[in-house]
Amino acid sequence: MTTENLLRKKEVAKMLACSLRTVDRLVNAGRLTRVKILGGIRFRLSQVQMLMNGGNHDFQS
């Protein structure tokens, strides 16, 4: 079993040097996926890193 590092929205915004609203826009555009855990929202570190490396991935189902 592999574990995925998860981040809070504030941590994602800090890593991407953007606003919290921009993180929401990335989600709405399908460039980032939310993970719901016990009522909280988290984001996968691997997806954030892909965005930081210039990846243009679409994570919408």
N, C-alpha and C. Protein backbone atom coordinates (compact mmCIF):
# COMPACT_ATOMS: atom_id res chain seq x y z
N MET A 1 0.84 -1.18 0.00
CA MET A 1 0.00 0.00 0.00
C MET A 1 0.89 1.25 0.00
N THR A 2 0.64 2.16 -0.93
CA THR A 2 1.41 3.39 -0.99
C THR A 2 0.60 4.52 -0.36
N THR A 3 1.29 5.43 0.25
CA THR A 3 0.61 6.58 0.84
C THR A 3 0.93 7.82 0.01
N GLU A 4 -0.07 8.63 -0.16
CA GLU A 4 0.06 9.86 -0.93
C GLU A 4 0.09 11.02 0.05
N ASN A 5 1.05 11.91 -0.10
CA ASN A 5 1.10 13.09 0.74
C ASN A 5 -0.01 14.05 0.32
N LEU A 6 -0.73 14.54 1.30
CA LEU A 6 -1.85 15.44 1.04
C LEU A 6 -1.57 16.81 1.64
N LEU A 7 -2.07 17.83 0.97
CA LEU A 7 -1.84 19.21 1.39
C LEU A 7 -3.17 19.94 1.60
N ARG A 8 -3.14 20.92 2.48
CA ARG A 8 -4.28 21.83 2.64
C ARG A 8 -4.22 22.88 1.54
N LYS A 9 -5.37 23.52 1.30
CA LYS A 9 -5.43 24.53 0.23
C LYS A 9 -4.43 25.65 0.46
N LYS A 10 -4.26 26.05 1.69
CA LYS A 10 -3.30 27.12 2.00
C LYS A 10 -1.87 26.70 1.64
N GLU A 11 -1.54 25.44 1.89
CA GLU A 11 -0.21 24.93 1.55
C GLU A 11 0.00 24.88 0.04
N VAL A 12 -1.06 24.49 -0.68
CA VAL A 12 -0.99 24.46 -2.15
C VAL A 12 -0.76 25.87 -2.69
N ALA A 13 -1.52 26.84 -2.18
CA ALA A 13 -1.37 28.22 -2.62
C ALA A 13 0.05 28.73 -2.36
N LYS A 14 0.60 28.37 -1.23
CA LYS A 14 1.96 28.80 -0.91
C LYS A 14 2.97 28.17 -1.86
N MET A 15 2.82 26.87 -2.13
CA MET A 15 3.74 26.18 -3.04
C MET A 15 3.69 26.76 -4.45
N LEU A 16 2.47 27.10 -4.90
CA LEU A 16 2.29 27.63 -6.26
C LEU A 16 2.45 29.14 -6.32
N ALA A 17 2.66 29.77 -5.16
CA ALA A 17 2.77 31.23 -5.07
C ALA A 17 1.56 31.90 -5.72
N CYS A 18 0.38 31.47 -5.28
CA CYS A 18 -0.86 32.02 -5.82
C CYS A 18 -1.86 32.22 -4.68
N SER A 19 -3.01 32.75 -5.03
CA SER A 19 -4.06 32.98 -4.03
C SER A 19 -4.88 31.71 -3.81
N LEU A 20 -5.66 31.70 -2.74
CA LEU A 20 -6.56 30.59 -2.48
C LEU A 20 -7.61 30.49 -3.59
N ARG A 21 -8.03 31.63 -4.10
CA ARG A 21 -9.01 31.65 -5.20
C ARG A 21 -8.43 31.01 -6.46
N THR A 22 -7.17 31.20 -6.71
CA THR A 22 -6.53 30.59 -7.88
C THR A 22 -6.51 29.07 -7.73
N VAL A 23 -6.33 28.57 -6.53
CA VAL A 23 -6.39 27.13 -6.29
C VAL A 23 -7.79 26.63 -6.66
N ASP A 24 -8.82 27.36 -6.26
CA ASP A 24 -10.20 27.00 -6.64
C ASP A 24 -10.37 27.00 -8.16
N ARG A 25 -9.78 27.98 -8.81
CA ARG A 25 -9.87 28.06 -10.28
C ARG A 25 -9.19 26.86 -10.94
N LEU A 26 -8.05 26.43 -10.38
CA LEU A 26 -7.37 25.24 -10.91
C LEU A 26 -8.25 24.00 -10.77
N VAL A 27 -8.97 23.90 -9.66
CA VAL A 27 -9.88 22.78 -9.46
C VAL A 27 -11.01 22.85 -10.48
N ASN A 28 -11.61 24.02 -10.64
CA ASN A 28 -12.72 24.19 -11.57
C ASN A 28 -12.30 23.93 -13.01
N ALA A 29 -11.05 24.20 -13.33
CA ALA A 29 -10.52 23.97 -14.69
C ALA A 29 -10.10 22.51 -14.90
N GLY A 30 -10.14 21.70 -13.83
CA GLY A 30 -9.76 20.31 -13.94
C GLY A 30 -8.27 20.07 -13.87
N ARG A 31 -7.52 21.07 -13.46
CA ARG A 31 -6.06 20.94 -13.40
C ARG A 31 -5.59 20.41 -12.04
N LEU A 32 -6.51 20.35 -11.08
CA LEU A 32 -6.20 19.89 -9.73
C LEU A 32 -7.44 19.19 -9.18
N THR A 33 -7.24 18.12 -8.42
CA THR A 33 -8.36 17.35 -7.88
C THR A 33 -8.41 17.50 -6.36
N ARG A 34 -9.61 17.70 -5.85
CA ARG A 34 -9.82 17.73 -4.40
C ARG A 34 -9.96 16.30 -3.89
N VAL A 35 -9.46 16.08 -2.68
CA VAL A 35 -9.63 14.79 -2.00
C VAL A 35 -10.37 15.10 -0.71
N LYS A 36 -11.55 14.48 -0.54
CA LYS A 36 -12.34 14.72 0.68
C LYS A 36 -11.98 13.67 1.72
N ILE A 37 -11.59 14.15 2.91
CA ILE A 37 -11.23 13.26 4.01
C ILE A 37 -11.93 13.75 5.27
N LEU A 38 -12.86 12.94 5.74
CA LEU A 38 -13.61 13.26 6.97
C LEU A 38 -14.13 14.70 6.98
N GLY A 39 -14.70 15.13 5.88
CA GLY A 39 -15.27 16.47 5.80
C GLY A 39 -14.28 17.56 5.44
N GLY A 40 -13.01 17.23 5.40
CA GLY A 40 -11.98 18.21 5.03
C GLY A 40 -11.56 18.02 3.58
N ILE A 41 -11.01 19.05 3.01
CA ILE A 41 -10.53 19.01 1.63
C ILE A 41 -9.01 19.04 1.63
N ARG A 42 -8.41 18.15 0.87
CA ARG A 42 -6.96 18.10 0.72
C ARG A 42 -6.65 17.98 -0.77
N PHE A 43 -5.36 18.15 -1.09
CA PHE A 43 -4.89 18.07 -2.47
C PHE A 43 -3.66 17.18 -2.51
N ARG A 44 -3.51 16.43 -3.59
CA ARG A 44 -2.38 15.52 -3.74
C ARG A 44 -1.10 16.29 -4.07
N LEU A 45 -0.05 16.03 -3.31
CA LEU A 45 1.24 16.66 -3.54
C LEU A 45 1.74 16.36 -4.95
N SER A 46 1.54 15.14 -5.42
CA SER A 46 2.03 14.76 -6.75
C SER A 46 1.40 15.62 -7.85
N GLN A 47 0.12 15.96 -7.72
CA GLN A 47 -0.53 16.81 -8.72
C GLN A 47 0.01 18.23 -8.66
N VAL A 48 0.23 18.73 -7.46
CA VAL A 48 0.78 20.08 -7.30
C VAL A 48 2.18 20.14 -7.92
N GLN A 49 2.97 19.11 -7.69
CA GLN A 49 4.32 19.07 -8.25
C GLN A 49 4.28 19.02 -9.77
N MET A 50 3.31 18.30 -10.35
CA MET A 50 3.17 18.27 -11.82
C MET A 50 2.88 19.67 -12.36
N LEU A 51 2.02 20.40 -11.66
CA LEU A 51 1.72 21.77 -12.08
C LEU A 51 2.95 22.65 -11.98
N MET A 52 3.72 22.47 -10.92
CA MET A 52 4.93 23.27 -10.72
C MET A 52 5.98 22.98 -11.79
N ASN A 53 5.98 21.76 -12.30
CA ASN A 53 6.94 21.37 -13.33
C ASN A 53 6.44 21.67 -14.74
N GLY A 54 5.38 22.44 -14.82
CA GLY A 54 4.87 22.84 -16.13
C GLY A 54 3.97 21.83 -16.78
N GLY A 55 3.54 20.85 -16.01
CA GLY A 55 2.64 19.84 -16.57
C GLY A 55 1.29 20.44 -16.87
N ASN A 56 0.70 20.04 -17.98
CA ASN A 56 -0.61 20.54 -18.37
C ASN A 56 -1.59 19.37 -18.34
N HIS A 57 -1.71 18.74 -17.16
CA HIS A 57 -2.55 17.56 -17.02
C HIS A 57 -3.97 17.95 -16.67
N ASP A 58 -4.90 17.17 -17.19
CA ASP A 58 -6.32 17.36 -16.90
C ASP A 58 -6.74 16.22 -15.99
N PHE A 59 -7.10 16.52 -14.74
CA PHE A 59 -7.44 15.49 -13.77
C PHE A 59 -8.94 15.29 -13.62
N GLN A 60 -9.74 15.88 -14.50
CA GLN A 60 -11.18 15.68 -14.42
C GLN A 60 -11.51 14.27 -14.84
N SER A 61 -12.51 13.71 -14.17
CA SER A 61 -12.94 12.33 -14.50
C SER A 61 -13.84 12.32 -15.68
